[in-house]
Amino acid sequence: MSEKRKNREKVKEGGGIGVFLCRAVRTVLLLLIVLTGALLVLPGFLGYKPYTIISGSMEPSIPLGSVVYARSVKPEQVQPGDVIVFYGGRNGDAVTTHRVVENRTVEGEFITRGDANADNDMLPRPYGSFIGRVELAVPLLGRFLTALSGTAGRAGLLGIVAAIIGLYFLEAGLRREEGRG
């Protein structure tokens, strides 16, 4: 079999090592983008809201930099020991994630405490400030998502997209080159 014919057969079979590497890297980068998008979008379709943990008050059970996924439930369904997300802070606009110590259904309020805190939170949390019950916590994901939301993260995503496109054209060039012999 002639050298030219061998090369043509190689191209038909999918190309050489360069083509394989381009495809592999491109596939990994595409999966990274799809996974990131799924982590940001898919939970919302399933009724979950993601929140990034920015303090150590729930350590060690929920480490700093984790993402918690909260689902809306009736406040009366929350049990002591459940972790909830609620509006708190001085202005009432900060989002806090703490464990329920007591659910006072008659008063319509929760007594909460961060796992790392020695005492209960100073004020009971009224049902009106309740966002949802935490169903899942993913350590370190918050750091990754926070990094993506900044200018450098967006530039990084743009770079990944550019790399995917570049790898596509590199692969096409390698396939043409291998086909010429």
C-alpha atoms as a PDB file:
ATOM      1  CA  MET A   1       0.000   0.000   0.000  1.00  0.00           C
ATOM      2  CA  SER A   2       1.376   3.414  -0.923  1.00  0.00           C
ATOM      3  CA  GLU A   3       2.234   6.022   1.730  1.00  0.00           C
ATOM      4  CA  LYS A   4      -0.448   8.355   0.378  1.00  0.00           C
ATOM      5  CA  ARG A   5      -3.085   5.669   0.644  1.00  0.00           C
ATOM      6  CA  LYS A   6      -2.038   4.855   4.234  1.00  0.00           C
ATOM      7  CA  ASN A   7      -2.449   8.515   5.160  1.00  0.00           C
ATOM      8  CA  ARG A   8      -5.874   8.673   3.552  1.00  0.00           C
ATOM      9  CA  GLU A   9      -6.921   5.581   5.506  1.00  0.00           C
ATOM     10  CA  LYS A  10      -5.605   7.181   8.703  1.00  0.00           C
ATOM     11  CA  VAL A  11      -7.711  10.310   8.045  1.00  0.00           C
ATOM     12  CA  LYS A  12     -10.795   8.166   7.393  1.00  0.00           C
ATOM     13  CA  GLU A  13     -10.183   6.354  10.671  1.00  0.00           C
ATOM     14  CA  GLY A  14     -10.025   9.612  12.594  1.00  0.00           C
ATOM     15  CA  GLY A  15      -6.496  10.915  12.178  1.00  0.00           C
ATOM     16  CA  GLY A  16      -3.247  10.663  14.065  1.00  0.00           C
ATOM     17  CA  ILE A  17      -2.203  11.566  17.592  1.00  0.00           C
ATOM     18  CA  GLY A  18      -2.475  15.339  17.000  1.00  0.00           C
ATOM     19  CA  VAL A  19      -6.081  15.018  15.873  1.00  0.00           C
ATOM     20  CA  PHE A  20      -6.827  12.746  18.829  1.00  0.00           C
ATOM     21  CA  LEU A  21      -5.315  15.226  21.304  1.00  0.00           C
ATOM     22  CA  CYS A  22      -7.231  18.144  19.786  1.00  0.00           C
ATOM     23  CA  ARG A  23     -10.491  16.220  20.070  1.00  0.00           C
ATOM     24  CA  ALA A  24      -9.762  15.091  23.629  1.00  0.00           C
ATOM     25  CA  VAL A  25      -8.878  18.569  24.911  1.00  0.00           C
ATOM     26  CA  ARG A  26     -11.813  20.115  23.068  1.00  0.00           C
ATOM     27  CA  THR A  27     -14.177  17.526  24.566  1.00  0.00           C
ATOM     28  CA  VAL A  28     -12.889  18.165  28.104  1.00  0.00           C
ATOM     29  CA  LEU A  29     -13.281  21.931  27.668  1.00  0.00           C
ATOM     30  CA  LEU A  30     -16.803  21.541  26.285  1.00  0.00           C
ATOM     31  CA  LEU A  31     -17.747  19.283  29.201  1.00  0.00           C
ATOM     32  CA  LEU A  32     -16.368  21.881  31.624  1.00  0.00           C
ATOM     33  CA  ILE A  33     -18.575  24.575  30.119  1.00  0.00           C
ATOM     34  CA  VAL A  34     -21.648  22.329  30.015  1.00  0.00           C
ATOM     35  CA  LEU A  35     -21.129  21.205  33.617  1.00  0.00           C
ATOM     36  CA  THR A  36     -20.681  24.785  34.804  1.00  0.00           C
ATOM     37  CA  GLY A  37     -23.832  25.845  32.992  1.00  0.00           C
ATOM     38  CA  ALA A  38     -25.743  22.897  34.404  1.00  0.00           C
ATOM     39  CA  LEU A  39     -24.664  23.753  37.958  1.00  0.00           C
ATOM     40  CA  LEU A  40     -25.926  27.301  37.480  1.00  0.00           C
ATOM     41  CA  VAL A  41     -29.138  26.696  35.532  1.00  0.00           C
ATOM     42  CA  LEU A  42     -30.448  23.174  36.145  1.00  0.00           C
ATOM     43  CA  PRO A  43     -31.142  23.530  39.911  1.00  0.00           C
ATOM     44  CA  GLY A  44     -33.525  26.415  39.201  1.00  0.00           C
ATOM     45  CA  PHE A  45     -35.610  24.216  36.908  1.00  0.00           C
ATOM     46  CA  LEU A  46     -35.788  21.620  39.678  1.00  0.00           C
ATOM     47  CA  GLY A  47     -36.954  24.132  42.295  1.00  0.00           C
ATOM     48  CA  TYR A  48     -33.601  24.740  44.027  1.00  0.00           C
ATOM     49  CA  LYS A  49     -31.834  28.039  44.574  1.00  0.00           C
ATOM     50  CA  PRO A  50     -28.044  28.058  44.987  1.00  0.00           C
ATOM     51  CA  TYR A  51     -26.365  30.209  47.646  1.00  0.00           C
ATOM     52  CA  THR A  52     -22.641  30.594  48.250  1.00  0.00           C
ATOM     53  CA  ILE A  53     -21.427  30.308  51.839  1.00  0.00           C
ATOM     54  CA  ILE A  54     -19.247  33.342  52.585  1.00  0.00           C
ATOM     55  CA  SER A  55     -18.654  32.896  56.323  1.00  0.00           C
ATOM     56  CA  GLY A  56     -17.424  30.089  58.520  1.00  0.00           C
ATOM     57  CA  SER A  57     -20.457  30.001  60.824  1.00  0.00           C
ATOM     58  CA  MET A  58     -21.570  26.574  59.549  1.00  0.00           C
ATOM     59  CA  GLU A  59     -18.166  24.874  59.636  1.00  0.00           C
ATOM     60  CA  PRO A  60     -17.250  22.084  59.684  1.00  0.00           C
ATOM     61  CA  SER A  61     -20.531  20.673  58.299  1.00  0.00           C
ATOM     62  CA  ILE A  62     -20.725  23.300  55.525  1.00  0.00           C
ATOM     63  CA  PRO A  63     -17.277  24.782  54.812  1.00  0.00           C
ATOM     64  CA  LEU A  64     -16.611  28.335  53.716  1.00  0.00           C
ATOM     65  CA  GLY A  65     -16.832  28.545  49.916  1.00  0.00           C
ATOM     66  CA  SER A  66     -19.491  25.845  49.577  1.00  0.00           C
ATOM     67  CA  VAL A  67     -22.678  26.216  47.583  1.00  0.00           C
ATOM     68  CA  VAL A  68     -25.901  25.161  49.261  1.00  0.00           C
ATOM     69  CA  TYR A  69     -29.012  24.349  47.279  1.00  0.00           C
ATOM     70  CA  ALA A  70     -32.205  25.370  49.082  1.00  0.00           C
ATOM     71  CA  ARG A  71     -35.723  24.293  48.218  1.00  0.00           C
ATOM     72  CA  SER A  72     -38.846  26.172  49.174  1.00  0.00           C
ATOM     73  CA  VAL A  73     -40.924  24.261  51.722  1.00  0.00           C
ATOM     74  CA  LYS A  74     -43.631  25.335  54.156  1.00  0.00           C
ATOM     75  CA  PRO A  75     -41.975  26.743  57.282  1.00  0.00           C
ATOM     76  CA  GLU A  76     -44.067  24.391  59.423  1.00  0.00           C
ATOM     77  CA  GLN A  77     -42.360  21.424  57.736  1.00  0.00           C
ATOM     78  CA  VAL A  78     -38.906  22.467  58.968  1.00  0.00           C
ATOM     79  CA  GLN A  79     -37.594  20.332  61.810  1.00  0.00           C
ATOM     80  CA  PRO A  80     -34.966  21.093  64.456  1.00  0.00           C
ATOM     81  CA  GLY A  81     -31.613  20.087  62.965  1.00  0.00           C
ATOM     82  CA  ASP A  82     -32.558  21.168  59.430  1.00  0.00           C
ATOM     83  CA  VAL A  83     -30.341  23.792  57.836  1.00  0.00           C
ATOM     84  CA  ILE A  84     -32.263  26.731  56.402  1.00  0.00           C
ATOM     85  CA  VAL A  85     -31.563  29.825  54.324  1.00  0.00           C
ATOM     86  CA  PHE A  86     -33.172  33.087  55.405  1.00  0.00           C
ATOM     87  CA  TYR A  87     -32.935  36.840  55.081  1.00  0.00           C
ATOM     88  CA  GLY A  88     -31.176  38.297  58.078  1.00  0.00           C
ATOM     89  CA  GLY A  89     -28.555  40.799  59.077  1.00  0.00           C
ATOM     90  CA  ARG A  90     -29.129  44.380  60.160  1.00  0.00           C
ATOM     91  CA  ASN A  91     -30.911  45.508  57.016  1.00  0.00           C
ATOM     92  CA  GLY A  92     -32.698  42.213  56.504  1.00  0.00           C
ATOM     93  CA  ASP A  93     -31.255  41.884  53.007  1.00  0.00           C
ATOM     94  CA  ALA A  94     -28.285  39.593  53.748  1.00  0.00           C
ATOM     95  CA  VAL A  95     -28.826  35.876  53.187  1.00  0.00           C
ATOM     96  CA  THR A  96     -27.817  33.598  56.069  1.00  0.00           C
ATOM     97  CA  THR A  97     -27.558  29.818  56.287  1.00  0.00           C
ATOM     98  CA  HIS A  98     -27.923  28.369  59.811  1.00  0.00           C
ATOM     99  CA  ARG A  99     -29.280  25.299  61.547  1.00  0.00           C
ATOM    100  CA  VAL A 100     -32.725  25.317  63.148  1.00  0.00           C
ATOM    101  CA  VAL A 101     -32.587  24.802  66.909  1.00  0.00           C
ATOM    102  CA  GLU A 102     -36.316  25.234  67.398  1.00  0.00           C
ATOM    103  CA  ASN A 103     -39.302  25.825  65.108  1.00  0.00           C
ATOM    104  CA  ARG A 104     -41.881  27.893  66.988  1.00  0.00           C
ATOM    105  CA  THR A 105     -44.911  27.298  64.790  1.00  0.00           C
ATOM    106  CA  VAL A 106     -47.313  29.165  67.070  1.00  0.00           C
ATOM    107  CA  GLU A 107     -45.143  32.311  66.964  1.00  0.00           C
ATOM    108  CA  GLY A 108     -44.198  31.744  63.319  1.00  0.00           C
ATOM    109  CA  GLU A 109     -40.454  31.926  63.904  1.00  0.00           C
ATOM    110  CA  PHE A 110     -37.254  29.904  63.998  1.00  0.00           C
ATOM    111  CA  ILE A 111     -34.506  29.841  66.605  1.00  0.00           C
ATOM    112  CA  THR A 112     -31.277  29.300  64.662  1.00  0.00           C
ATOM    113  CA  ARG A 113     -27.554  28.904  65.249  1.00  0.00           C
ATOM    114  CA  GLY A 114     -24.495  28.482  63.111  1.00  0.00           C
ATOM    115  CA  ASP A 115     -22.738  25.171  63.801  1.00  0.00           C
ATOM    116  CA  ALA A 116     -19.494  27.000  64.638  1.00  0.00           C
ATOM    117  CA  ASN A 117     -21.248  29.403  67.032  1.00  0.00           C
ATOM    118  CA  ALA A 118     -21.506  28.754  70.770  1.00  0.00           C
ATOM    119  CA  ASP A 119     -24.840  30.544  71.152  1.00  0.00           C
ATOM    120  CA  ASN A 120     -28.127  30.763  69.287  1.00  0.00           C
ATOM    121  CA  ASP A 121     -28.616  33.725  66.963  1.00  0.00           C
ATOM    122  CA  MET A 122     -29.625  36.841  68.902  1.00  0.00           C
ATOM    123  CA  LEU A 123     -33.000  37.266  67.206  1.00  0.00           C
ATOM    124  CA  PRO A 124     -35.604  34.685  66.226  1.00  0.00           C
ATOM    125  CA  ARG A 125     -36.124  34.491  62.466  1.00  0.00           C
ATOM    126  CA  PRO A 126     -39.741  35.120  61.432  1.00  0.00           C
ATOM    127  CA  TYR A 127     -41.313  32.860  58.837  1.00  0.00           C
ATOM    128  CA  GLY A 128     -41.478  35.896  56.531  1.00  0.00           C
ATOM    129  CA  SER A 129     -37.671  35.886  56.243  1.00  0.00           C
ATOM    130  CA  PHE A 130     -37.499  32.163  55.444  1.00  0.00           C
ATOM    131  CA  ILE A 131     -36.203  31.305  51.940  1.00  0.00           C
ATOM    132  CA  GLY A 132     -35.897  27.529  52.010  1.00  0.00           C
ATOM    133  CA  ARG A 133     -34.448  24.367  53.488  1.00  0.00           C
ATOM    134  CA  VAL A 134     -30.966  23.285  52.430  1.00  0.00           C
ATOM    135  CA  GLU A 135     -31.129  19.995  50.558  1.00  0.00           C
ATOM    136  CA  LEU A 136     -27.538  19.779  49.305  1.00  0.00           C
ATOM    137  CA  ALA A 137     -24.186  21.391  50.071  1.00  0.00           C
ATOM    138  CA  VAL A 138     -21.253  21.174  47.641  1.00  0.00           C
ATOM    139  CA  PRO A 139     -17.877  22.155  49.160  1.00  0.00           C
ATOM    140  CA  LEU A 140     -15.610  24.538  47.181  1.00  0.00           C
ATOM    141  CA  LEU A 141     -18.143  25.032  44.379  1.00  0.00           C
ATOM    142  CA  GLY A 142     -18.895  28.550  45.629  1.00  0.00           C
ATOM    143  CA  ARG A 143     -15.280  29.598  45.209  1.00  0.00           C
ATOM    144  CA  PHE A 144     -15.332  28.359  41.632  1.00  0.00           C
ATOM    145  CA  LEU A 145     -18.641  30.070  40.806  1.00  0.00           C
ATOM    146  CA  THR A 146     -17.577  33.293  42.515  1.00  0.00           C
ATOM    147  CA  ALA A 147     -14.383  33.306  40.469  1.00  0.00           C
ATOM    148  CA  LEU A 148     -16.417  32.818  37.283  1.00  0.00           C
ATOM    149  CA  SER A 149     -18.710  35.739  38.074  1.00  0.00           C
ATOM    150  CA  GLY A 150     -15.821  38.231  38.154  1.00  0.00           C
ATOM    151  CA  THR A 151     -14.056  39.854  35.222  1.00  0.00           C
ATOM    152  CA  ALA A 152     -11.203  37.345  35.290  1.00  0.00           C
ATOM    153  CA  GLY A 153     -13.663  34.436  35.365  1.00  0.00           C
ATOM    154  CA  ARG A 154     -15.603  35.757  32.398  1.00  0.00           C
ATOM    155  CA  ALA A 155     -12.355  36.317  30.520  1.00  0.00           C
ATOM    156  CA  GLY A 156     -11.375  32.740  31.392  1.00  0.00           C
ATOM    157  CA  LEU A 157     -14.649  31.378  30.001  1.00  0.00           C
ATOM    158  CA  LEU A 158     -14.169  33.442  26.865  1.00  0.00           C
ATOM    159  CA  GLY A 159     -10.643  32.020  26.623  1.00  0.00           C
ATOM    160  CA  ILE A 160     -11.997  28.482  26.921  1.00  0.00           C
ATOM    161  CA  VAL A 161     -14.491  29.131  24.128  1.00  0.00           C
ATOM    162  CA  ALA A 162     -11.689  30.607  21.994  1.00  0.00           C
ATOM    163  CA  ALA A 163      -9.529  27.560  22.753  1.00  0.00           C
ATOM    164  CA  ILE A 164     -12.345  25.222  21.682  1.00  0.00           C
ATOM    165  CA  ILE A 165     -12.713  27.071  18.391  1.00  0.00           C
ATOM    166  CA  GLY A 166      -8.943  27.156  17.899  1.00  0.00           C
ATOM    167  CA  LEU A 167      -8.680  23.422  18.570  1.00  0.00           C
ATOM    168  CA  TYR A 168     -11.387  22.768  16.001  1.00  0.00           C
ATOM    169  CA  PHE A 169      -9.437  24.642  13.325  1.00  0.00           C
ATOM    170  CA  LEU A 170      -6.142  23.058  14.430  1.00  0.00           C
ATOM    171  CA  GLU A 171      -7.700  19.620  14.151  1.00  0.00           C
ATOM    172  CA  ALA A 172      -9.046  20.423  10.671  1.00  0.00           C
ATOM    173  CA  GLY A 173      -5.573  21.591   9.604  1.00  0.00           C
ATOM    174  CA  LEU A 174      -3.940  18.453  10.994  1.00  0.00           C
ATOM    175  CA  ARG A 175      -6.455  16.259   9.206  1.00  0.00           C
ATOM    176  CA  ARG A 176      -5.765  18.061   5.900  1.00  0.00           C
ATOM    177  CA  GLU A 177      -2.010  17.811   6.439  1.00  0.00           C
ATOM    178  CA  GLU A 178      -2.186  14.090   7.226  1.00  0.00           C
ATOM    179  CA  GLY A 179      -4.347  13.565   4.150  1.00  0.00           C
ATOM    180  CA  ARG A 180      -1.741  15.165   1.859  1.00  0.00           C
ATOM    181  CA  GLY A 181       0.993  12.832   2.936  1.00  0.00           C
END
